[in-house]
Amino acid sequence: MADTYSQIYIQVVFAVKFRQNLVTENNRIELQKVMSGLIASRGVKLYAIYCMPDHTHIFVSMNPSQSISDLIRDLKSASSKFINDKKWINGTFQWQNGFGAFSYSHSHIDAVVKYILNQEEHHRKRTFREECKLPLFSDHLKVEFR
């Protein structure tokens, strides 16, 4: 086959180290732009991104030649460097090790985008910390789309 075609839709969630509330509303948009630029520079299609004070959600369509782990490692590294260079916090900003990655079908794109862009409202009902304690984090997300 001359060309490669794929539909690999992944939502990724990762937290600020110790789940601290370090991403302020004033800095959220700028951080999302930096992350969006890095994602685009990798040839990955970004559908949605939302940085909460203590965690970030992104929803992308992955290129099959790339590793989600490599993308997130580089995204966390570059965004940490950006935040530290800007001196947005006292001390050193770090993301927590690891991430959650959840795959979806093409038919879920609109629901996942809506879920991510609605994070502020969503977390008024349940905190990120509470959500992570659910038995199957991914099952909870699927329920939200109904």
N, C-alpha and C. Protein backbone atom coordinates (compact mmCIF):
# COMPACT_ATOMS: atom_id res chain seq x y z
N MET A 1 0.85 -1.18 0.00
CA MET A 1 0.00 0.00 0.00
C MET A 1 0.90 1.24 0.00
N ALA A 2 0.64 2.15 -0.89
CA ALA A 2 1.48 3.35 -1.03
C ALA A 2 1.31 4.32 0.12
N ASP A 3 0.11 4.49 0.59
CA ASP A 3 -0.15 5.42 1.68
C ASP A 3 -0.66 4.66 2.90
N THR A 4 -0.53 5.30 4.04
CA THR A 4 -1.04 4.71 5.27
C THR A 4 -2.22 5.54 5.74
N TYR A 5 -3.28 4.86 6.11
CA TYR A 5 -4.47 5.53 6.61
C TYR A 5 -4.80 4.91 7.96
N SER A 6 -5.09 5.76 8.92
CA SER A 6 -5.44 5.24 10.25
C SER A 6 -6.48 6.14 10.90
N GLN A 7 -7.16 5.56 11.86
CA GLN A 7 -8.09 6.29 12.72
C GLN A 7 -7.77 5.84 14.15
N ILE A 8 -6.86 6.55 14.78
CA ILE A 8 -6.42 6.20 16.13
C ILE A 8 -6.70 7.42 17.01
N TYR A 9 -7.81 7.38 17.72
CA TYR A 9 -8.25 8.51 18.54
C TYR A 9 -7.96 8.21 20.00
N ILE A 10 -7.16 9.06 20.61
CA ILE A 10 -6.70 8.83 21.97
C ILE A 10 -6.94 10.07 22.82
N GLN A 11 -7.55 9.87 23.99
CA GLN A 11 -7.61 10.93 25.00
C GLN A 11 -6.52 10.62 26.03
N VAL A 12 -5.73 11.62 26.34
CA VAL A 12 -4.65 11.47 27.31
C VAL A 12 -4.91 12.42 28.47
N VAL A 13 -4.69 11.93 29.67
CA VAL A 13 -4.85 12.72 30.89
C VAL A 13 -3.58 12.57 31.70
N PHE A 14 -3.02 13.69 32.14
CA PHE A 14 -1.85 13.63 33.03
C PHE A 14 -1.94 14.77 34.03
N ALA A 15 -1.29 14.55 35.18
CA ALA A 15 -1.45 15.45 36.33
C ALA A 15 -0.18 16.23 36.63
N VAL A 16 -0.39 17.35 37.29
CA VAL A 16 0.72 18.12 37.86
C VAL A 16 1.29 17.29 39.01
N LYS A 17 2.60 17.36 39.20
CA LYS A 17 3.24 16.60 40.28
C LYS A 17 2.53 16.86 41.60
N PHE A 18 2.26 15.81 42.33
CA PHE A 18 1.54 15.83 43.61
C PHE A 18 0.13 16.40 43.45
N ARG A 19 -0.35 16.47 42.21
CA ARG A 19 -1.69 16.98 41.90
C ARG A 19 -1.94 18.36 42.50
N GLN A 20 -0.90 19.17 42.47
CA GLN A 20 -1.02 20.54 42.97
C GLN A 20 -1.76 21.41 41.96
N ASN A 21 -2.47 22.40 42.44
CA ASN A 21 -3.18 23.35 41.58
C ASN A 21 -2.21 24.47 41.18
N LEU A 22 -1.42 24.23 40.13
CA LEU A 22 -0.38 25.17 39.74
C LEU A 22 -0.64 25.88 38.41
N VAL A 23 -1.57 25.40 37.62
CA VAL A 23 -1.87 26.05 36.33
C VAL A 23 -3.01 27.04 36.58
N THR A 24 -2.67 28.31 36.59
CA THR A 24 -3.68 29.34 36.87
C THR A 24 -4.51 29.62 35.62
N GLU A 25 -5.68 30.14 35.85
CA GLU A 25 -6.56 30.52 34.74
C GLU A 25 -5.87 31.53 33.83
N ASN A 26 -5.09 32.45 34.42
CA ASN A 26 -4.38 33.45 33.63
C ASN A 26 -3.37 32.82 32.68
N ASN A 27 -2.81 31.67 33.04
CA ASN A 27 -1.77 31.03 32.22
C ASN A 27 -2.28 29.88 31.37
N ARG A 28 -3.48 29.43 31.62
CA ARG A 28 -4.03 28.25 30.96
C ARG A 28 -4.02 28.36 29.44
N ILE A 29 -4.52 29.46 28.92
CA ILE A 29 -4.62 29.62 27.45
C ILE A 29 -3.24 29.59 26.80
N GLU A 30 -2.28 30.29 27.40
CA GLU A 30 -0.93 30.32 26.83
C GLU A 30 -0.30 28.92 26.86
N LEU A 31 -0.49 28.19 27.95
CA LEU A 31 0.04 26.83 28.05
C LEU A 31 -0.61 25.93 27.00
N GLN A 32 -1.90 26.05 26.82
CA GLN A 32 -2.59 25.24 25.81
C GLN A 32 -2.06 25.56 24.41
N LYS A 33 -1.76 26.82 24.13
CA LYS A 33 -1.20 27.18 22.82
C LYS A 33 0.17 26.55 22.60
N VAL A 34 1.01 26.57 23.64
CA VAL A 34 2.34 25.96 23.54
C VAL A 34 2.21 24.46 23.28
N MET A 35 1.35 23.82 24.05
CA MET A 35 1.15 22.37 23.88
C MET A 35 0.57 22.06 22.50
N SER A 36 -0.38 22.86 22.06
CA SER A 36 -1.00 22.66 20.74
C SER A 36 0.04 22.77 19.64
N GLY A 37 0.94 23.74 19.75
CA GLY A 37 2.00 23.91 18.76
C GLY A 37 2.92 22.71 18.69
N LEU A 38 3.29 22.18 19.84
CA LEU A 38 4.15 21.00 19.86
C LEU A 38 3.44 19.80 19.25
N ILE A 39 2.19 19.61 19.60
CA ILE A 39 1.42 18.49 19.04
C ILE A 39 1.34 18.61 17.52
N ALA A 40 1.02 19.81 17.03
CA ALA A 40 0.94 20.03 15.58
C ALA A 40 2.28 19.79 14.89
N SER A 41 3.38 20.19 15.55
CA SER A 41 4.71 20.03 14.94
C SER A 41 5.08 18.56 14.77
N ARG A 42 4.40 17.68 15.47
CA ARG A 42 4.62 16.24 15.36
C ARG A 42 3.73 15.60 14.31
N GLY A 43 2.90 16.40 13.65
CA GLY A 43 2.00 15.86 12.65
C GLY A 43 0.82 15.11 13.25
N VAL A 44 0.52 15.42 14.51
CA VAL A 44 -0.60 14.80 15.21
C VAL A 44 -1.77 15.78 15.18
N LYS A 45 -2.95 15.29 14.87
CA LYS A 45 -4.12 16.16 14.83
C LYS A 45 -4.70 16.31 16.23
N LEU A 46 -4.82 17.55 16.68
CA LEU A 46 -5.39 17.85 17.98
C LEU A 46 -6.87 18.19 17.82
N TYR A 47 -7.71 17.50 18.57
CA TYR A 47 -9.14 17.79 18.58
C TYR A 47 -9.53 18.69 19.74
N ALA A 48 -8.92 18.47 20.90
CA ALA A 48 -9.26 19.27 22.07
C ALA A 48 -8.13 19.21 23.09
N ILE A 49 -8.00 20.31 23.83
CA ILE A 49 -7.05 20.36 24.94
C ILE A 49 -7.66 21.25 26.01
N TYR A 50 -7.46 20.85 27.26
CA TYR A 50 -7.91 21.69 28.36
C TYR A 50 -7.01 21.45 29.56
N CYS A 51 -6.37 22.52 30.00
CA CYS A 51 -5.50 22.45 31.16
C CYS A 51 -6.25 22.95 32.39
N MET A 52 -6.51 22.04 33.29
CA MET A 52 -7.09 22.38 34.59
C MET A 52 -5.94 22.77 35.52
N PRO A 53 -6.22 23.33 36.69
CA PRO A 53 -5.13 23.71 37.59
C PRO A 53 -4.22 22.54 37.99
N ASP A 54 -4.76 21.31 38.05
CA ASP A 54 -3.96 20.17 38.52
C ASP A 54 -3.79 19.04 37.51
N HIS A 55 -4.37 19.16 36.33
CA HIS A 55 -4.21 18.12 35.31
C HIS A 55 -4.59 18.66 33.94
N THR A 56 -4.23 17.89 32.92
CA THR A 56 -4.49 18.28 31.53
C THR A 56 -5.11 17.12 30.78
N HIS A 57 -6.09 17.45 29.93
CA HIS A 57 -6.69 16.49 29.00
C HIS A 57 -6.33 16.91 27.58
N ILE A 58 -5.94 15.96 26.77
CA ILE A 58 -5.79 16.22 25.33
C ILE A 58 -6.49 15.08 24.59
N PHE A 59 -7.00 15.41 23.42
CA PHE A 59 -7.63 14.42 22.56
C PHE A 59 -7.04 14.58 21.17
N VAL A 60 -6.42 13.52 20.69
CA VAL A 60 -5.68 13.59 19.44
C VAL A 60 -6.01 12.40 18.55
N SER A 61 -5.70 12.55 17.29
CA SER A 61 -5.70 11.46 16.33
C SER A 61 -4.23 11.16 16.05
N MET A 62 -3.78 10.01 16.49
CA MET A 62 -2.36 9.68 16.41
C MET A 62 -1.94 9.22 15.02
N ASN A 63 -0.72 9.54 14.68
CA ASN A 63 -0.06 9.01 13.51
C ASN A 63 0.48 7.64 13.90
N PRO A 64 0.20 6.58 13.15
CA PRO A 64 0.62 5.24 13.56
C PRO A 64 2.14 5.06 13.62
N SER A 65 2.89 5.95 13.04
CA SER A 65 4.35 5.83 13.09
C SER A 65 4.93 6.43 14.36
N GLN A 66 4.08 7.01 15.20
CA GLN A 66 4.55 7.63 16.43
C GLN A 66 4.02 6.90 17.65
N SER A 67 4.77 7.02 18.71
CA SER A 67 4.38 6.42 19.98
C SER A 67 3.68 7.46 20.84
N ILE A 68 2.56 7.09 21.45
CA ILE A 68 1.87 8.01 22.36
C ILE A 68 2.79 8.34 23.53
N SER A 69 3.56 7.36 23.99
CA SER A 69 4.49 7.60 25.12
C SER A 69 5.53 8.65 24.76
N ASP A 70 6.08 8.57 23.55
CA ASP A 70 7.07 9.57 23.13
C ASP A 70 6.45 10.95 23.03
N LEU A 71 5.25 11.02 22.45
CA LEU A 71 4.57 12.31 22.32
C LEU A 71 4.33 12.94 23.69
N ILE A 72 3.80 12.17 24.62
CA ILE A 72 3.47 12.73 25.94
C ILE A 72 4.74 13.06 26.71
N ARG A 73 5.76 12.22 26.62
CA ARG A 73 7.05 12.54 27.27
C ARG A 73 7.57 13.89 26.78
N ASP A 74 7.58 14.09 25.46
CA ASP A 74 8.09 15.34 24.89
C ASP A 74 7.18 16.52 25.22
N LEU A 75 5.88 16.28 25.23
CA LEU A 75 4.92 17.33 25.56
C LEU A 75 5.10 17.79 27.00
N LYS A 76 5.23 16.85 27.91
CA LYS A 76 5.43 17.19 29.32
C LYS A 76 6.76 17.91 29.53
N SER A 77 7.79 17.43 28.88
CA SER A 77 9.12 18.03 29.02
C SER A 77 9.14 19.47 28.50
N ALA A 78 8.61 19.66 27.29
CA ALA A 78 8.62 21.01 26.69
C ALA A 78 7.72 21.97 27.46
N SER A 79 6.57 21.51 27.92
CA SER A 79 5.67 22.41 28.64
C SER A 79 6.21 22.74 30.03
N SER A 80 6.87 21.78 30.69
CA SER A 80 7.51 22.07 31.97
C SER A 80 8.60 23.12 31.80
N LYS A 81 9.41 22.94 30.77
CA LYS A 81 10.47 23.91 30.50
C LYS A 81 9.87 25.29 30.24
N PHE A 82 8.81 25.34 29.46
CA PHE A 82 8.14 26.61 29.16
C PHE A 82 7.66 27.28 30.45
N ILE A 83 6.98 26.53 31.30
CA ILE A 83 6.45 27.08 32.56
C ILE A 83 7.59 27.56 33.45
N ASN A 84 8.66 26.77 33.54
CA ASN A 84 9.80 27.16 34.39
C ASN A 84 10.54 28.37 33.83
N ASP A 85 10.70 28.43 32.50
CA ASP A 85 11.33 29.61 31.89
C ASP A 85 10.52 30.87 32.13
N LYS A 86 9.19 30.74 32.14
CA LYS A 86 8.29 31.88 32.38
C LYS A 86 8.21 32.24 33.87
N LYS A 87 8.70 31.32 34.74
CA LYS A 87 8.68 31.53 36.19
C LYS A 87 7.26 31.77 36.71
N TRP A 88 6.35 30.93 36.24
CA TRP A 88 4.95 31.06 36.66
C TRP A 88 4.73 30.64 38.10
N ILE A 89 5.64 29.83 38.63
CA ILE A 89 5.50 29.40 40.02
C ILE A 89 6.82 29.59 40.75
N ASN A 90 6.75 29.64 42.07
CA ASN A 90 7.97 29.61 42.87
C ASN A 90 8.44 28.16 42.90
N GLY A 91 9.70 27.95 42.65
CA GLY A 91 10.21 26.58 42.61
C GLY A 91 10.16 26.04 41.20
N THR A 92 10.19 24.73 41.10
CA THR A 92 10.24 24.05 39.80
C THR A 92 8.92 23.35 39.51
N PHE A 93 8.37 23.63 38.34
CA PHE A 93 7.15 22.97 37.89
C PHE A 93 7.51 21.60 37.33
N GLN A 94 6.70 20.59 37.68
CA GLN A 94 6.87 19.25 37.11
C GLN A 94 5.50 18.61 36.92
N TRP A 95 5.42 17.78 35.89
CA TRP A 95 4.25 16.93 35.72
C TRP A 95 4.52 15.63 36.48
N GLN A 96 3.46 15.00 36.94
CA GLN A 96 3.57 13.71 37.60
C GLN A 96 4.00 12.67 36.58
N ASN A 97 4.72 11.64 37.02
CA ASN A 97 5.09 10.54 36.12
C ASN A 97 3.84 9.84 35.63
N GLY A 98 3.91 9.34 34.42
CA GLY A 98 2.82 8.55 33.86
C GLY A 98 1.69 9.38 33.28
N PHE A 99 0.72 8.68 32.74
CA PHE A 99 -0.46 9.30 32.14
C PHE A 99 -1.51 8.23 31.90
N GLY A 100 -2.72 8.67 31.68
CA GLY A 100 -3.79 7.75 31.27
C GLY A 100 -4.05 7.98 29.79
N ALA A 101 -4.25 6.91 29.05
CA ALA A 101 -4.55 7.02 27.62
C ALA A 101 -5.75 6.12 27.33
N PHE A 102 -6.75 6.70 26.67
CA PHE A 102 -8.00 6.01 26.41
C PHE A 102 -8.35 6.15 24.93
N SER A 103 -8.64 5.03 24.29
CA SER A 103 -8.96 5.05 22.87
C SER A 103 -10.47 5.13 22.65
N TYR A 104 -10.84 5.74 21.54
CA TYR A 104 -12.25 5.93 21.20
C TYR A 104 -12.46 5.68 19.72
N SER A 105 -13.68 5.40 19.35
CA SER A 105 -14.02 5.23 17.95
C SER A 105 -14.35 6.60 17.33
N HIS A 106 -14.40 6.61 16.03
CA HIS A 106 -14.70 7.84 15.30
C HIS A 106 -16.04 8.43 15.74
N SER A 107 -16.99 7.59 16.06
CA SER A 107 -18.32 8.06 16.46
C SER A 107 -18.33 8.79 17.80
N HIS A 108 -17.26 8.68 18.58
CA HIS A 108 -17.19 9.34 19.88
C HIS A 108 -16.48 10.70 19.84
N ILE A 109 -15.97 11.11 18.70
CA ILE A 109 -15.16 12.33 18.63
C ILE A 109 -15.89 13.53 19.24
N ASP A 110 -17.09 13.81 18.80
CA ASP A 110 -17.82 14.98 19.31
C ASP A 110 -18.04 14.92 20.82
N ALA A 111 -18.37 13.75 21.34
CA ALA A 111 -18.62 13.60 22.77
C ALA A 111 -17.34 13.81 23.58
N VAL A 112 -16.23 13.28 23.09
CA VAL A 112 -14.97 13.44 23.81
C VAL A 112 -14.53 14.90 23.80
N VAL A 113 -14.66 15.55 22.66
CA VAL A 113 -14.31 16.97 22.57
C VAL A 113 -15.16 17.78 23.55
N LYS A 114 -16.46 17.52 23.56
CA LYS A 114 -17.36 18.23 24.48
C LYS A 114 -16.96 17.98 25.93
N TYR A 115 -16.67 16.74 26.27
CA TYR A 115 -16.24 16.38 27.62
C TYR A 115 -14.98 17.16 28.02
N ILE A 116 -14.00 17.20 27.15
CA ILE A 116 -12.74 17.88 27.46
C ILE A 116 -12.94 19.38 27.60
N LEU A 117 -13.66 19.98 26.68
CA LEU A 117 -13.85 21.43 26.73
C LEU A 117 -14.77 21.86 27.86
N ASN A 118 -15.45 20.90 28.48
CA ASN A 118 -16.36 21.17 29.58
C ASN A 118 -15.74 20.81 30.94
N GLN A 119 -14.43 20.75 31.02
CA GLN A 119 -13.77 20.28 32.24
C GLN A 119 -14.10 21.11 33.48
N GLU A 120 -14.16 22.40 33.37
CA GLU A 120 -14.47 23.22 34.55
C GLU A 120 -15.81 22.83 35.15
N GLU A 121 -16.81 22.72 34.31
CA GLU A 121 -18.15 22.34 34.77
C GLU A 121 -18.14 20.91 35.32
N HIS A 122 -17.49 20.02 34.61
CA HIS A 122 -17.42 18.63 35.02
C HIS A 122 -16.81 18.50 36.42
N HIS A 123 -15.74 19.23 36.68
CA HIS A 123 -15.05 19.09 37.96
C HIS A 123 -15.69 19.89 39.09
N ARG A 124 -16.75 20.61 38.81
CA ARG A 124 -17.55 21.18 39.89
C ARG A 124 -18.34 20.08 40.60
N LYS A 125 -18.60 19.00 39.85
CA LYS A 125 -19.37 17.87 40.40
C LYS A 125 -18.46 16.82 41.03
N ARG A 126 -17.31 16.59 40.44
CA ARG A 126 -16.38 15.57 40.92
C ARG A 126 -14.96 16.05 40.64
N THR A 127 -14.11 16.07 41.66
CA THR A 127 -12.73 16.52 41.48
C THR A 127 -11.94 15.47 40.69
N PHE A 128 -10.83 15.90 40.16
CA PHE A 128 -9.94 15.00 39.44
C PHE A 128 -9.48 13.88 40.36
N ARG A 129 -9.15 14.22 41.59
CA ARG A 129 -8.70 13.23 42.57
C ARG A 129 -9.79 12.18 42.81
N GLU A 130 -11.04 12.62 42.94
CA GLU A 130 -12.16 11.69 43.14
C GLU A 130 -12.35 10.82 41.89
N GLU A 131 -12.24 11.43 40.74
CA GLU A 131 -12.44 10.72 39.49
C GLU A 131 -11.39 9.62 39.31
N CYS A 132 -10.16 9.89 39.69
CA CYS A 132 -9.09 8.91 39.54
C CYS A 132 -9.25 7.71 40.46
N LYS A 133 -10.02 7.87 41.51
CA LYS A 133 -10.25 6.77 42.45
C LYS A 133 -11.34 5.81 41.98
N LEU A 134 -12.05 6.17 40.92
CA LEU A 134 -13.08 5.28 40.40
C LEU A 134 -12.44 3.99 39.92
N PRO A 135 -13.15 2.85 40.04
CA PRO A 135 -12.56 1.56 39.68
C PRO A 135 -11.99 1.52 38.26
N LEU A 136 -12.75 1.99 37.31
CA LEU A 136 -12.26 2.01 35.93
C LEU A 136 -12.45 3.42 35.39
N PHE A 137 -11.39 4.19 35.42
CA PHE A 137 -11.43 5.57 34.99
C PHE A 137 -12.04 5.67 33.59
N SER A 138 -11.63 4.79 32.69
CA SER A 138 -12.13 4.86 31.31
C SER A 138 -13.62 4.57 31.23
N ASP A 139 -14.13 3.66 32.08
CA ASP A 139 -15.56 3.38 32.06
C ASP A 139 -16.35 4.62 32.48
N HIS A 140 -15.83 5.35 33.45
CA HIS A 140 -16.49 6.58 33.90
C HIS A 140 -16.59 7.57 32.74
N LEU A 141 -15.52 7.70 31.98
CA LEU A 141 -15.52 8.65 30.87
C LEU A 141 -16.55 8.26 29.83
N LYS A 142 -16.69 6.99 29.57
CA LYS A 142 -17.67 6.52 28.60
C LYS A 142 -19.09 6.85 29.06
N VAL A 143 -19.35 6.72 30.35
CA VAL A 143 -20.67 7.04 30.89
C VAL A 143 -21.00 8.51 30.67
N GLU A 144 -20.00 9.37 30.79
CA GLU A 144 -20.21 10.80 30.64
C GLU A 144 -20.73 11.16 29.24
N PHE A 145 -20.51 10.32 28.25
CA PHE A 145 -20.87 10.65 26.87
C PHE A 145 -22.30 10.28 26.53
N ARG A 146 -22.99 9.59 27.40
CA ARG A 146 -24.36 9.17 27.11
C ARG A 146 -25.33 10.31 27.23
